[in-house]
Amino acid sequence: MLSKLDAPRLRPFIVLFVCFFSCFVHLGAPEVNLMEARNFVAAREMVGGGSWLIPTMNGALRVAKPPLPTWAVALTEQLTGLTQDPGILRLPAAIMSTLLVFFFWGLVRELIREEPGETEAPGRTAWLATLVLASSLLVITVGREGHWDIFANSLLVGTLWALARGWYATGRGWGWFALSGLLLGGSMLSKGPVAPYTILLPFLASFGLQRLYPARGPLRSRQFGLLLALVIGLAVGTAWPIYLAVQDTVAPAALAVARVEVTSWGERHVQPFWEYWNFPVFTGIWTPIALLALAVPFARPRASRYIPYQAALAWVLIAFLLLSLVPEKKERYLLPLMPPLALLIAGLLRHFETVLRAGLRPRPEATIVRVWAGLLVLACCLFPVALLLMKLPPYGPGSVPFTVTVVGFALLAAAIGWWGFRQYQVPVLVASSITAMAVLLSVLAPAYPLWTNRRAEPGLRHIQALQRNPVLAQLPWYTLEDLHIKRVWDAGRATPSWPRTPDSMLVRPTRPIAVFSSPKVNISKYLPTTWRKQILVTVVDSFYLDRQRKDGYWRVTLLDPSKRPL
C-alpha cells in the first residue's frame, strides 16, 4: 500500500497530505487557551495601532516573550482583517508545523546520506521519519496552537537543516551557513534561548562528536561557516532585547520582566526530575515502536544500517536530560524530543519492512509486528466505543460522524488484520496508523469543545455579548480587578485596569466609561468622596466568567461624569 506510493515524485505530496490533516483540519475547533489568548490579544493591539516593537497586552507592557509569533498573528490579521476566529489566527502556527516537518525531512536526508541502507531504497528512511513526525501526537497538539513553542522549535530544526546543508556543500557553503544563522535568530526571537538549549546543544553534543557520528568529517574546513552562523544568529536573536534595553521608557520594566521569567523556571510549574520519564507516549500512535527504538540491545543492531543510531539516541537522551534539569516542566516542553524519536522510529521501521518483505519470518520481528498489528486492531475497535461513552448528541448512534467513525475504523481494522497481522506487511501498518490519526482528527476533533462544554449551563450571558450592547459599544472599558486574559480575548477589545495617578489615585473620568467588577465591589463606595455627587453610577449589564453560575459573574457599571446623581 504505502510502498506503492513511495515514488520520489509523490513523497512531498503525501507529506503535505498528512500535514493537512495533522495541522489544518478543524483548526478552529478548540477554544482559545491561555497562552493563545496572550498572543492573540497582543497581536490584536498591534494591528489596532499599538507598537510592533514594544508590544502591549490589554494595554500593559508585554515583553515577557519575544515578538516573532505575535508578529505572525498580527500580519495575518492585517491580511484578513481583525477577527475572533481562532482558525484564522492559528494559521501561522499550522504553517510553522508544516515547515517543521519539511525542515526535519531535509535534515534527515543529510544525516543519513552515508548509511548503508540508503543504497537499498534511497530517501525512504528520511521519508518515513518525516511521516512519523508529522503524525506524532505532540507535534499535532502543539502545532495547532497559536503560541511560541512551535515557532521556536520549527525554526531551530530549520537551523540544523541549513547547517547540515552548508556542512556537506561542495563549496564553502556560505549561503547555507548564513541561512542557518537567520533561522537561529528567528528561533531566539520566538522564545529566547529555549530552543537552542533543548535542540541545538543536544544535537551538537551528539552529531558533533566523530565517535558517535563518523560521517561528520573534519571540523577545520567548516569552522568559519559555523562562526558566521553563530554571529548572524546572535545578531538577529538579540536585536529585539537590545532595542528594549536602549529605550529609557521601557528598559527598567523589561529588565524586571526578564528577571521574573528567569526565576520562574525554578518557581512555577515545578515538577520532580523524573516527570518526563513517559516521553515516548507523546509520539501517540507510534508509542510501541518508540519504546522498542529506545531498547538499545534490541534496536541498535537492527536500526544502525539505516540511521546513525548512536548519535540519534544520544540526541534524545541529552535533550531529555537538559529538559529534566529545569524545574519548570510542562508537556509541550517535550516537543524537542519528537524529531530524534521520529528518526529512531524510522530506522526500526525500515528494518522491519526490509527483513519481512524478503519472505523471511525472523522470530522477534515477526512477533513484534503481530503484536503491533493486534494493538492497532484493538485501538480501532475501542475508538467507536469511546465515542459512545462520551454521550455527545451529535455523535450518537446513527449520526453521520458516528457512522463514518465506525465504518472507517472497521475498514482499518480489517486491513490491519489481513495484511498486517497475517501477512506481516509493515507498510500497511504504517499507512493504517497515519490514516487512523487522520480519521480521528477529521471526525472527532469537533467533539473536543463539545466535551469540554458538556456541563455548561445554558442561557448564561458571557462577555462576548457586551459587544452587542449599544450603551457600551462606544465607551472605554476598564476593570477594578484583574480580568482573566481569556475573558479579555473574548471581549474583543482591550479592558485594562482603571488608570491611576503616580500616587495610586484613580484618574477622574472626563467622559462616560464602563467599569467591570465583581459583585463584592461597591463602586459607589469605591469612588473618592468628592466624586460621589459629581458622577452618575448605574449598573447596566453583567456577564458570567465561565460555563457555570458557580464560577461567578461580574457587573458592568456605567460612570457618567456629565450627569449628576439625584
Protein backbone atom coordinates (compact mmCIF):
# COMPACT_ATOMS: atom_id res chain seq x y z
CA MET A 1 0.00 0.00 0.00
CA LEU A 2 2.41 2.66 1.25
CA SER A 3 5.31 1.16 -0.70
CA LYS A 4 3.39 1.64 -3.97
CA LEU A 5 3.09 5.33 -3.15
CA ASP A 6 6.81 5.55 -2.50
CA ALA A 7 7.71 7.07 -5.85
CA PRO A 8 10.05 10.01 -5.13
CA ARG A 9 7.85 12.43 -7.05
CA LEU A 10 4.85 11.56 -4.86
CA ARG A 11 6.56 11.79 -1.50
CA PRO A 12 6.24 15.57 -0.99
CA PHE A 13 2.53 15.45 -1.84
CA ILE A 14 1.93 12.61 0.61
CA VAL A 15 3.74 14.53 3.35
CA LEU A 16 1.67 17.62 2.56
CA PHE A 17 -1.48 15.49 2.67
CA VAL A 18 -0.57 14.19 6.13
CA CYS A 19 0.30 17.72 7.30
CA PHE A 20 -3.07 18.94 6.05
CA PHE A 21 -4.87 16.58 8.41
CA SER A 22 -2.39 16.99 11.26
CA CYS A 23 -2.14 20.77 11.17
CA PHE A 24 -5.12 22.32 9.39
CA VAL A 25 -8.28 20.19 9.63
CA HIS A 26 -10.73 21.70 12.16
CA LEU A 27 -8.05 24.16 13.19
CA GLY A 28 -10.59 26.48 14.78
CA ALA A 29 -12.49 23.82 16.75
CA PRO A 30 -10.73 24.01 20.17
CA GLU A 31 -11.33 27.03 22.37
CA VAL A 32 -8.54 29.58 22.69
CA ASN A 33 -6.30 28.54 25.57
CA LEU A 34 -4.37 30.74 27.99
CA MET A 35 -1.14 31.02 26.01
CA GLU A 36 -3.01 31.66 22.78
CA ALA A 37 -5.13 34.35 24.44
CA ARG A 38 -2.00 36.23 25.47
CA ASN A 39 -0.56 36.03 21.97
CA PHE A 40 -3.81 36.92 20.20
CA VAL A 41 -4.57 39.88 22.47
CA ALA A 42 -1.07 41.31 21.93
CA ALA A 43 -1.41 40.82 18.15
CA ARG A 44 -4.84 42.47 18.16
CA GLU A 45 -3.41 45.53 19.87
CA MET A 46 -0.53 45.71 17.38
CA VAL A 47 -2.98 45.77 14.49
CA GLY A 48 -5.20 48.22 16.36
CA GLY A 49 -2.48 50.87 16.38
CA GLY A 50 -0.09 49.68 19.07
CA SER A 51 3.66 49.36 18.76
CA TRP A 52 5.08 46.31 16.99
CA LEU A 53 8.43 46.67 18.73
CA ILE A 54 7.09 47.39 22.23
CA PRO A 55 4.02 45.13 22.43
CA THR A 56 1.19 45.55 24.89
CA MET A 57 -1.34 43.09 26.24
CA ASN A 58 -4.60 44.56 27.45
CA GLY A 59 -2.94 47.94 27.45
CA ALA A 60 0.00 46.87 29.65
CA LEU A 61 3.58 46.31 28.56
CA ARG A 62 4.07 42.78 27.18
CA VAL A 63 7.75 41.85 26.88
CA ALA A 64 7.74 38.53 28.71
CA LYS A 65 8.01 36.69 25.38
CA PRO A 66 9.82 37.63 22.15
CA PRO A 67 7.55 39.08 19.47
CA LEU A 68 8.02 36.96 16.32
CA PRO A 69 4.97 34.67 16.84
CA THR A 70 2.88 37.72 17.73
CA TRP A 71 4.09 39.48 14.59
CA ALA A 72 2.99 36.46 12.55
CA VAL A 73 -0.53 36.57 14.02
CA ALA A 74 -0.72 40.36 13.62
CA LEU A 75 0.37 40.10 9.98
CA THR A 76 -2.35 37.51 9.43
CA GLU A 77 -4.90 39.91 10.89
CA GLN A 78 -3.66 42.69 8.66
CA LEU A 79 -4.22 40.47 5.64
CA THR A 80 -7.62 39.09 6.73
CA GLY A 81 -8.91 41.90 8.92
CA LEU A 82 -9.43 41.88 12.69
CA THR A 83 -11.07 38.62 13.61
CA GLN A 84 -12.01 36.50 16.60
CA ASP A 85 -11.82 33.32 14.50
CA PRO A 86 -9.13 31.11 16.13
CA GLY A 87 -8.86 29.02 12.98
CA ILE A 88 -7.50 32.01 11.06
CA LEU A 89 -5.25 33.16 13.88
CA ARG A 90 -3.75 29.67 14.20
CA LEU A 91 -2.75 29.55 10.54
CA PRO A 92 0.81 30.84 11.22
CA ALA A 93 1.33 28.06 13.77
CA ALA A 94 -0.05 25.44 11.37
CA ILE A 95 2.27 26.69 8.63
CA MET A 96 5.18 26.55 11.07
CA SER A 97 4.25 22.96 11.94
CA THR A 98 4.39 22.08 8.26
CA LEU A 99 7.75 23.81 7.95
CA LEU A 100 9.00 21.83 10.95
CA VAL A 101 8.14 18.60 9.13
CA PHE A 102 9.88 19.66 5.91
CA PHE A 103 12.91 21.08 7.73
CA PHE A 104 13.22 17.75 9.52
CA TRP A 105 12.92 15.86 6.24
CA GLY A 106 15.77 17.84 4.75
CA LEU A 107 17.88 17.40 7.90
CA VAL A 108 17.43 13.61 7.99
CA ARG A 109 18.34 13.31 4.31
CA GLU A 110 21.65 14.99 5.08
CA LEU A 111 22.34 12.97 8.23
CA ILE A 112 21.80 9.51 6.72
CA ARG A 113 23.40 10.01 3.30
CA GLU A 114 26.32 7.73 4.24
CA GLU A 115 24.27 4.96 5.86
CA PRO A 116 24.43 1.53 4.18
CA GLY A 117 20.65 1.20 3.99
CA GLU A 118 20.36 4.27 1.77
CA THR A 119 21.56 2.32 -1.23
CA GLU A 120 18.68 -0.15 -0.88
CA ALA A 121 15.87 2.42 -1.07
CA PRO A 122 17.26 5.95 -1.45
CA GLY A 123 15.30 8.53 0.53
CA ARG A 124 12.80 6.11 2.04
CA THR A 125 14.16 6.25 5.59
CA ALA A 126 14.02 10.05 5.66
CA TRP A 127 10.51 9.96 4.21
CA LEU A 128 9.29 7.51 6.84
CA ALA A 129 10.85 9.62 9.60
CA THR A 130 9.03 12.65 8.21
CA LEU A 131 5.68 10.87 8.17
CA VAL A 132 6.23 9.68 11.73
CA LEU A 133 6.99 13.21 12.92
CA ALA A 134 4.02 14.71 11.04
CA SER A 135 1.62 12.24 12.69
CA SER A 136 3.11 12.31 16.21
CA LEU A 137 0.70 13.33 18.94
CA LEU A 138 2.70 16.19 20.47
CA VAL A 139 3.51 17.73 17.08
CA ILE A 140 -0.20 17.71 16.27
CA THR A 141 -1.36 19.19 19.58
CA VAL A 142 1.34 21.86 19.95
CA GLY A 143 1.46 22.61 16.23
CA ARG A 144 -2.21 23.52 16.16
CA GLU A 145 -1.90 26.11 18.95
CA GLY A 146 -1.09 29.71 18.16
CA HIS A 147 1.74 30.49 20.54
CA TRP A 148 5.53 30.38 20.85
CA ASP A 149 6.66 26.76 21.08
CA ILE A 150 6.05 25.62 17.52
CA PHE A 151 7.80 28.71 16.11
CA ALA A 152 10.92 28.26 18.23
CA ASN A 153 11.20 24.53 17.58
CA SER A 154 10.45 24.70 13.87
CA LEU A 155 12.97 27.45 13.17
CA LEU A 156 15.64 25.66 15.23
CA VAL A 157 15.16 22.43 13.25
CA GLY A 158 15.44 24.62 10.16
CA THR A 159 18.70 25.92 11.61
CA LEU A 160 20.01 22.36 11.83
CA TRP A 161 18.90 21.59 8.27
CA ALA A 162 20.65 24.64 6.81
CA LEU A 163 23.71 23.88 8.97
CA ALA A 164 23.87 20.34 7.59
CA ARG A 165 23.44 21.58 4.01
CA GLY A 166 26.29 24.01 4.50
CA TRP A 167 28.42 21.35 6.16
CA TYR A 168 28.10 18.93 3.25
CA ALA A 169 28.13 21.56 0.49
CA THR A 170 30.75 21.05 -2.22
CA GLY A 171 31.96 24.63 -1.87
CA ARG A 172 32.25 26.87 1.17
CA GLY A 173 28.52 26.82 1.81
CA TRP A 174 28.43 30.43 3.00
CA GLY A 175 24.81 30.90 1.92
CA TRP A 176 23.65 27.87 3.87
CA PHE A 177 25.54 28.92 6.98
CA ALA A 178 24.07 32.43 6.68
CA LEU A 179 20.56 30.94 6.36
CA SER A 180 21.26 28.78 9.40
CA GLY A 181 22.13 31.91 11.36
CA LEU A 182 18.97 33.70 10.26
CA LEU A 183 16.82 30.76 11.31
CA LEU A 184 18.65 30.55 14.64
CA GLY A 185 17.93 34.23 15.21
CA GLY A 186 14.28 33.67 14.31
CA SER A 187 14.08 30.87 16.88
CA MET A 188 15.52 33.17 19.54
CA LEU A 189 13.02 35.87 18.55
CA SER A 190 10.29 33.29 19.15
CA LYS A 191 11.20 32.00 22.61
CA GLY A 192 14.63 33.29 23.56
CA PRO A 193 17.36 30.73 24.27
CA VAL A 194 14.95 27.86 24.99
CA ALA A 195 15.18 26.04 21.65
CA PRO A 196 18.98 26.46 21.36
CA TYR A 197 19.21 24.89 24.82
CA THR A 198 16.83 21.99 24.16
CA ILE A 199 17.59 21.24 20.48
CA LEU A 200 20.83 22.84 19.29
CA LEU A 201 23.03 21.84 22.23
CA PRO A 202 21.91 18.17 22.27
CA PHE A 203 22.31 17.94 18.51
CA LEU A 204 25.83 19.37 18.52
CA ALA A 205 26.79 17.20 21.50
CA SER A 206 25.73 14.06 19.62
CA PHE A 207 26.21 14.57 15.89
CA GLY A 208 29.18 16.85 16.52
CA LEU A 209 31.23 14.01 18.03
CA GLN A 210 33.01 11.95 15.40
CA ARG A 211 32.95 8.93 17.69
CA LEU A 212 29.15 8.94 17.64
CA TYR A 213 28.79 10.19 14.08
CA PRO A 214 31.80 9.25 11.92
CA ALA A 215 30.26 10.92 8.86
CA ARG A 216 30.80 14.32 10.47
CA GLY A 217 34.14 14.81 8.74
CA PRO A 218 36.83 17.35 9.64
CA LEU A 219 35.85 20.43 11.59
CA ARG A 220 38.62 22.75 10.46
CA SER A 221 37.26 23.36 6.95
CA ARG A 222 33.86 24.47 8.30
CA GLN A 223 34.82 26.45 11.38
CA PHE A 224 34.38 29.82 9.73
CA GLY A 225 30.95 28.82 8.40
CA LEU A 226 29.92 27.85 11.91
CA LEU A 227 31.22 31.16 13.21
CA LEU A 228 29.21 33.02 10.54
CA ALA A 229 26.03 31.17 11.54
CA LEU A 230 26.64 31.92 15.21
CA VAL A 231 27.33 35.63 14.64
CA ILE A 232 24.26 36.12 12.45
CA GLY A 233 22.08 34.12 14.85
CA LEU A 234 23.16 36.15 17.88
CA ALA A 235 22.82 39.43 15.98
CA VAL A 236 19.27 38.67 14.88
CA GLY A 237 18.21 36.93 18.08
CA THR A 238 19.39 39.68 20.41
CA ALA A 239 18.27 42.63 18.26
CA TRP A 240 14.89 42.99 19.97
CA PRO A 241 16.18 42.70 23.58
CA ILE A 242 18.89 45.23 22.78
CA TYR A 243 16.28 47.57 21.33
CA LEU A 244 14.27 47.34 24.54
CA ALA A 245 17.39 47.93 26.62
CA VAL A 246 18.08 51.28 24.95
CA GLN A 247 14.51 52.53 25.35
CA ASP A 248 14.52 54.58 28.53
CA THR A 249 10.76 54.31 28.95
CA VAL A 250 10.63 50.51 28.98
CA ALA A 251 14.15 49.32 29.85
CA PRO A 252 13.60 49.08 33.64
CA ALA A 253 10.30 47.25 33.22
CA ALA A 254 11.79 44.92 30.58
CA LEU A 255 14.70 44.08 32.88
CA ALA A 256 12.32 43.34 35.75
CA VAL A 257 10.24 41.06 33.49
CA ALA A 258 13.38 39.25 32.33
CA ARG A 259 14.33 38.56 35.95
CA VAL A 260 10.87 37.22 36.68
CA GLU A 261 10.99 34.95 33.62
CA VAL A 262 14.36 33.52 34.63
CA THR A 263 13.33 32.87 38.23
CA SER A 264 10.04 31.35 37.09
CA TRP A 265 11.95 28.39 35.60
CA GLY A 266 12.62 27.30 39.15
CA GLU A 267 9.43 28.51 40.85
CA ARG A 268 6.41 27.95 38.58
CA HIS A 269 5.04 24.60 37.43
CA VAL A 270 7.82 22.86 39.36
CA GLN A 271 7.85 19.09 38.93
CA PRO A 272 10.31 16.38 40.04
CA PHE A 273 13.33 15.44 37.94
CA TRP A 274 11.67 12.25 36.69
CA GLU A 275 8.48 13.94 35.46
CA TYR A 276 9.34 13.39 31.79
CA TRP A 277 10.10 9.66 32.01
CA ASN A 278 6.98 8.84 29.94
CA PHE A 279 8.07 10.98 26.97
CA PRO A 280 7.71 8.15 24.38
CA VAL A 281 3.91 8.17 24.78
CA PHE A 282 3.81 11.64 23.26
CA THR A 283 4.54 10.10 19.88
CA GLY A 284 0.93 8.87 20.06
CA ILE A 285 0.25 6.06 17.59
CA TRP A 286 3.98 5.33 17.38
CA THR A 287 4.46 4.64 21.09
CA PRO A 288 5.09 0.84 20.79
CA ILE A 289 7.80 1.37 18.15
CA ALA A 290 9.26 4.31 20.10
CA LEU A 291 9.71 2.10 23.16
CA LEU A 292 11.41 -0.57 21.05
CA ALA A 293 13.65 2.03 19.40
CA LEU A 294 14.89 3.10 22.84
CA ALA A 295 15.69 -0.50 23.83
CA VAL A 296 19.36 -0.31 22.87
CA PRO A 297 20.25 -4.05 22.85
CA PHE A 298 17.34 -4.73 20.51
CA ALA A 299 17.28 -1.63 18.32
CA ARG A 300 20.94 -0.78 17.83
CA PRO A 301 21.98 -3.80 15.71
CA ARG A 302 18.78 -3.53 13.66
CA ALA A 303 18.37 0.21 13.06
CA SER A 304 22.05 1.10 12.64
CA ARG A 305 22.00 0.05 8.99
CA TYR A 306 19.54 2.81 8.18
CA ILE A 307 20.24 5.63 10.64
CA PRO A 308 23.18 6.81 12.77
CA TYR A 309 21.61 5.11 15.78
CA GLN A 310 24.19 6.08 18.42
CA ALA A 311 24.08 9.77 17.52
CA ALA A 312 20.28 9.83 17.31
CA LEU A 313 19.96 8.07 20.66
CA ALA A 314 22.44 10.49 22.23
CA TRP A 315 20.40 13.41 20.80
CA VAL A 316 17.28 12.08 22.54
CA LEU A 317 18.95 11.31 25.86
CA ILE A 318 20.91 14.57 26.12
CA ALA A 319 17.80 16.61 25.29
CA PHE A 320 15.83 14.59 27.83
CA LEU A 321 18.47 15.26 30.48
CA LEU A 322 18.60 19.01 29.76
CA LEU A 323 14.81 19.25 29.92
CA SER A 324 14.71 17.27 33.17
CA LEU A 325 17.27 19.56 34.81
CA VAL A 326 14.90 22.54 34.52
CA PRO A 327 12.47 22.52 37.48
CA GLU A 328 9.63 24.05 35.44
CA LYS A 329 8.00 21.29 33.41
CA LYS A 330 5.07 21.14 31.01
CA GLU A 331 4.06 18.53 28.47
CA ARG A 332 4.57 20.83 25.48
CA TYR A 333 8.18 21.36 26.53
CA LEU A 334 8.82 17.79 25.30
CA LEU A 335 8.42 18.84 21.68
CA PRO A 336 12.23 18.95 21.11
CA LEU A 337 12.34 15.18 21.73
CA MET A 338 9.98 14.36 18.87
CA PRO A 339 12.40 14.83 15.90
CA PRO A 340 15.14 12.50 17.20
CA LEU A 341 12.49 9.99 18.33
CA ALA A 342 10.98 10.04 14.84
CA LEU A 343 14.43 9.30 13.41
CA LEU A 344 14.89 6.32 15.74
CA ILE A 345 11.42 5.00 14.92
CA ALA A 346 12.07 5.28 11.18
CA GLY A 347 15.29 3.27 11.48
CA LEU A 348 13.44 0.44 13.18
CA LEU A 349 10.54 0.57 10.71
CA ARG A 350 12.99 0.29 7.81
CA HIS A 351 14.50 -2.81 9.40
CA PHE A 352 11.10 -4.42 9.98
CA GLU A 353 9.83 -3.86 6.46
CA THR A 354 13.11 -4.98 4.89
CA VAL A 355 13.51 -8.30 6.70
CA LEU A 356 9.82 -9.19 6.48
CA ARG A 357 9.48 -8.19 2.84
CA ALA A 358 12.13 -10.74 1.93
CA GLY A 359 9.73 -13.53 2.85
CA LEU A 360 11.64 -14.43 5.97
CA ARG A 361 9.95 -14.59 9.36
CA PRO A 362 12.66 -13.94 11.95
CA ARG A 363 11.09 -14.66 15.28
CA PRO A 364 11.45 -11.37 17.20
CA GLU A 365 10.47 -9.19 14.26
CA ALA A 366 7.50 -11.31 13.20
CA THR A 367 6.18 -11.49 16.74
CA ILE A 368 6.59 -7.75 17.29
CA VAL A 369 4.80 -6.86 14.07
CA ARG A 370 1.91 -9.15 15.00
CA VAL A 371 1.66 -7.59 18.47
CA TRP A 372 1.77 -4.12 16.92
CA ALA A 373 -0.98 -5.09 14.47
CA GLY A 374 -3.05 -6.53 17.31
CA LEU A 375 -2.74 -3.30 19.31
CA LEU A 376 -3.83 -1.27 16.28
CA VAL A 377 -6.87 -3.51 15.73
CA LEU A 378 -7.78 -3.16 19.40
CA ALA A 379 -7.47 0.63 19.18
CA CYS A 380 -9.68 0.68 16.06
CA CYS A 381 -12.35 -1.26 17.96
CA LEU A 382 -12.15 0.93 21.08
CA PHE A 383 -12.42 4.33 19.37
CA PRO A 384 -16.13 3.94 18.44
CA VAL A 385 -16.84 2.55 21.91
CA ALA A 386 -15.20 5.62 23.47
CA LEU A 387 -17.35 7.82 21.28
CA LEU A 388 -20.47 6.09 22.58
CA LEU A 389 -19.38 6.51 26.18
CA MET A 390 -18.88 10.25 25.66
CA LYS A 391 -22.65 10.56 25.03
CA LEU A 392 -22.40 13.65 22.89
CA PRO A 393 -25.67 14.23 20.97
CA PRO A 394 -24.10 14.97 17.55
CA TYR A 395 -22.03 11.76 17.83
CA GLY A 396 -24.69 9.32 18.98
CA PRO A 397 -25.59 6.01 17.27
CA GLY A 398 -26.98 6.61 13.80
CA SER A 399 -25.39 10.03 13.39
CA VAL A 400 -23.17 10.74 10.39
CA PRO A 401 -19.97 11.28 12.46
CA PHE A 402 -20.54 8.07 14.38
CA THR A 403 -21.26 6.10 11.21
CA VAL A 404 -18.17 7.45 9.47
CA THR A 405 -16.09 6.59 12.53
CA VAL A 406 -17.41 3.03 12.78
CA VAL A 407 -17.05 2.32 9.05
CA GLY A 408 -13.62 3.95 8.85
CA PHE A 409 -12.16 2.10 11.78
CA ALA A 410 -13.80 -1.18 10.75
CA LEU A 411 -12.10 -0.96 7.36
CA LEU A 412 -8.81 -0.09 9.00
CA ALA A 413 -9.11 -2.99 11.42
CA ALA A 414 -9.82 -5.35 8.54
CA ALA A 415 -6.84 -4.10 6.53
CA ILE A 416 -4.54 -4.34 9.55
CA GLY A 417 -5.76 -7.82 10.39
CA TRP A 418 -5.40 -9.18 6.86
CA TRP A 419 -2.24 -7.50 5.55
CA GLY A 420 -0.58 -6.57 8.81
CA PHE A 421 -1.29 -9.45 11.17
CA ARG A 422 -1.47 -12.32 8.67
CA GLN A 423 0.98 -11.13 6.00
CA TYR A 424 3.39 -9.02 8.09
CA GLN A 425 3.09 -6.03 5.77
CA VAL A 426 4.79 -3.24 7.72
CA PRO A 427 3.93 -0.54 5.10
CA VAL A 428 0.25 -1.36 5.68
CA LEU A 429 0.67 -0.83 9.42
CA VAL A 430 2.41 2.48 8.83
CA ALA A 431 -0.30 3.65 6.41
CA SER A 432 -3.07 2.46 8.73
CA SER A 433 -1.58 4.26 11.72
CA ILE A 434 -1.41 7.54 9.81
CA THR A 435 -4.90 7.04 8.40
CA ALA A 436 -6.30 6.36 11.86
CA MET A 437 -4.88 9.65 13.11
CA ALA A 438 -6.34 11.47 10.09
CA VAL A 439 -9.79 9.94 10.71
CA LEU A 440 -9.64 10.89 14.37
CA LEU A 441 -8.79 14.49 13.59
CA SER A 442 -11.37 14.74 10.80
CA VAL A 443 -14.32 13.25 12.65
CA LEU A 444 -13.59 13.66 16.33
CA ALA A 445 -11.74 16.99 16.61
CA PRO A 446 -15.03 18.95 16.73
CA ALA A 447 -16.10 16.72 19.63
CA TYR A 448 -13.46 18.18 21.94
CA PRO A 449 -15.20 21.54 22.55
CA LEU A 450 -18.49 19.69 22.96
CA TRP A 451 -16.86 17.50 25.60
CA THR A 452 -15.37 20.46 27.48
CA ASN A 453 -18.74 22.25 27.42
CA ARG A 454 -20.84 19.22 28.33
CA ARG A 455 -21.57 20.61 31.82
CA ALA A 456 -22.09 24.20 30.69
CA GLU A 457 -25.33 25.75 31.93
CA PRO A 458 -27.48 27.04 29.07
CA GLY A 459 -28.59 30.62 28.84
CA LEU A 460 -25.67 32.27 30.64
CA ARG A 461 -24.65 35.67 29.37
CA HIS A 462 -20.93 35.98 28.68
CA ILE A 463 -18.59 38.86 27.99
CA GLN A 464 -18.88 38.41 24.21
CA ALA A 465 -22.49 39.65 24.47
CA LEU A 466 -21.32 43.07 25.68
CA GLN A 467 -20.14 43.89 22.17
CA ARG A 468 -23.80 43.97 21.12
CA ASN A 469 -24.87 46.35 23.92
CA PRO A 470 -25.35 49.76 22.25
CA VAL A 471 -24.83 51.58 25.55
CA LEU A 472 -21.31 50.15 25.87
CA ALA A 473 -20.19 49.99 22.26
CA GLN A 474 -18.53 53.43 22.08
CA LEU A 475 -17.27 53.68 25.66
CA PRO A 476 -13.83 52.91 27.09
CA TRP A 477 -13.84 49.72 29.21
CA TYR A 478 -11.90 49.45 32.46
CA THR A 479 -11.70 46.99 35.34
CA LEU A 480 -11.20 47.43 39.07
CA GLU A 481 -9.80 43.89 39.44
CA ASP A 482 -7.67 41.62 37.29
CA LEU A 483 -9.78 40.19 34.47
CA HIS A 484 -8.50 36.85 33.16
CA ILE A 485 -6.76 37.27 29.83
CA LYS A 486 -9.07 34.69 28.21
CA ARG A 487 -12.01 36.90 29.08
CA VAL A 488 -10.13 39.89 27.65
CA TRP A 489 -9.75 37.96 24.42
CA ASP A 490 -13.44 37.03 24.45
CA ALA A 491 -14.35 40.67 24.98
CA GLY A 492 -12.95 41.52 21.54
CA ARG A 493 -11.19 44.66 22.80
CA ALA A 494 -8.81 45.88 25.47
CA THR A 495 -10.22 46.03 29.00
CA PRO A 496 -7.35 47.45 31.08
CA SER A 497 -7.28 48.41 34.72
CA TRP A 498 -8.71 51.82 35.57
CA PRO A 499 -5.81 54.27 35.14
CA ARG A 500 -4.21 55.67 38.27
CA THR A 501 -2.08 58.67 39.07
CA PRO A 502 1.56 58.24 40.23
CA ASP A 503 0.31 58.29 43.84
CA SER A 504 -2.12 55.39 43.06
CA MET A 505 -5.27 57.52 42.96
CA LEU A 506 -7.91 56.75 40.34
CA VAL A 507 -7.86 59.09 37.36
CA ARG A 508 -11.15 61.03 37.25
CA PRO A 509 -13.04 60.28 34.01
CA THR A 510 -13.89 63.20 31.75
CA ARG A 511 -16.37 61.20 29.67
CA PRO A 512 -18.65 58.21 30.31
CA ILE A 513 -16.80 54.94 30.94
CA ALA A 514 -17.77 51.32 31.61
CA VAL A 515 -16.21 49.66 34.65
CA PHE A 516 -16.15 45.88 35.18
CA SER A 517 -16.03 44.49 38.71
CA SER A 518 -17.13 41.57 40.82
CA PRO A 519 -20.30 41.92 42.94
CA LYS A 520 -18.24 42.26 46.12
CA VAL A 521 -17.02 45.65 44.92
CA ASN A 522 -19.43 48.53 45.60
CA ILE A 523 -18.26 51.07 43.05
CA SER A 524 -20.16 53.95 44.63
CA LYS A 525 -18.20 53.46 47.86
CA TYR A 526 -15.01 52.74 45.93
CA LEU A 527 -15.01 56.21 44.37
CA PRO A 528 -13.37 59.14 46.19
CA THR A 529 -15.83 61.05 48.35
CA THR A 530 -15.59 64.20 46.24
CA TRP A 531 -16.72 62.26 43.13
CA ARG A 532 -19.86 60.69 44.52
CA LYS A 533 -22.07 63.73 43.96
CA GLN A 534 -20.50 64.51 40.61
CA ILE A 535 -20.66 61.18 38.73
CA LEU A 536 -23.77 59.13 37.99
CA VAL A 537 -23.19 55.42 38.71
CA THR A 538 -25.53 52.91 37.02
CA VAL A 539 -25.28 49.13 36.67
CA VAL A 540 -26.12 48.46 33.01
CA ASP A 541 -25.09 44.86 32.34
CA SER A 542 -23.38 41.75 33.70
CA PHE A 543 -21.69 38.59 32.47
CA TYR A 544 -20.68 35.19 33.82
CA LEU A 545 -17.00 34.31 33.98
CA ASP A 546 -17.24 30.71 32.81
CA ARG A 547 -19.60 27.87 31.94
CA GLN A 548 -21.50 27.64 35.24
CA ARG A 549 -23.11 30.09 37.63
CA LYS A 550 -20.93 28.89 40.48
CA ASP A 551 -17.88 30.23 38.60
CA GLY A 552 -19.10 33.74 39.41
CA TYR A 553 -20.13 36.81 37.47
CA TRP A 554 -19.11 40.44 37.08
CA ARG A 555 -21.16 43.60 36.84
CA VAL A 556 -20.76 46.29 34.21
CA THR A 557 -21.25 49.77 35.68
CA LEU A 558 -21.64 52.97 33.69
CA LEU A 559 -19.93 56.02 35.19
CA ASP A 560 -21.13 59.25 33.61
CA PRO A 561 -19.46 62.49 34.81
CA SER A 562 -21.78 64.55 32.60
CA LYS A 563 -24.76 63.61 34.77
CA ARG A 564 -25.12 64.21 38.48
CA PRO A 565 -26.87 61.68 40.72
CA LEU A 566 -30.25 62.72 42.10
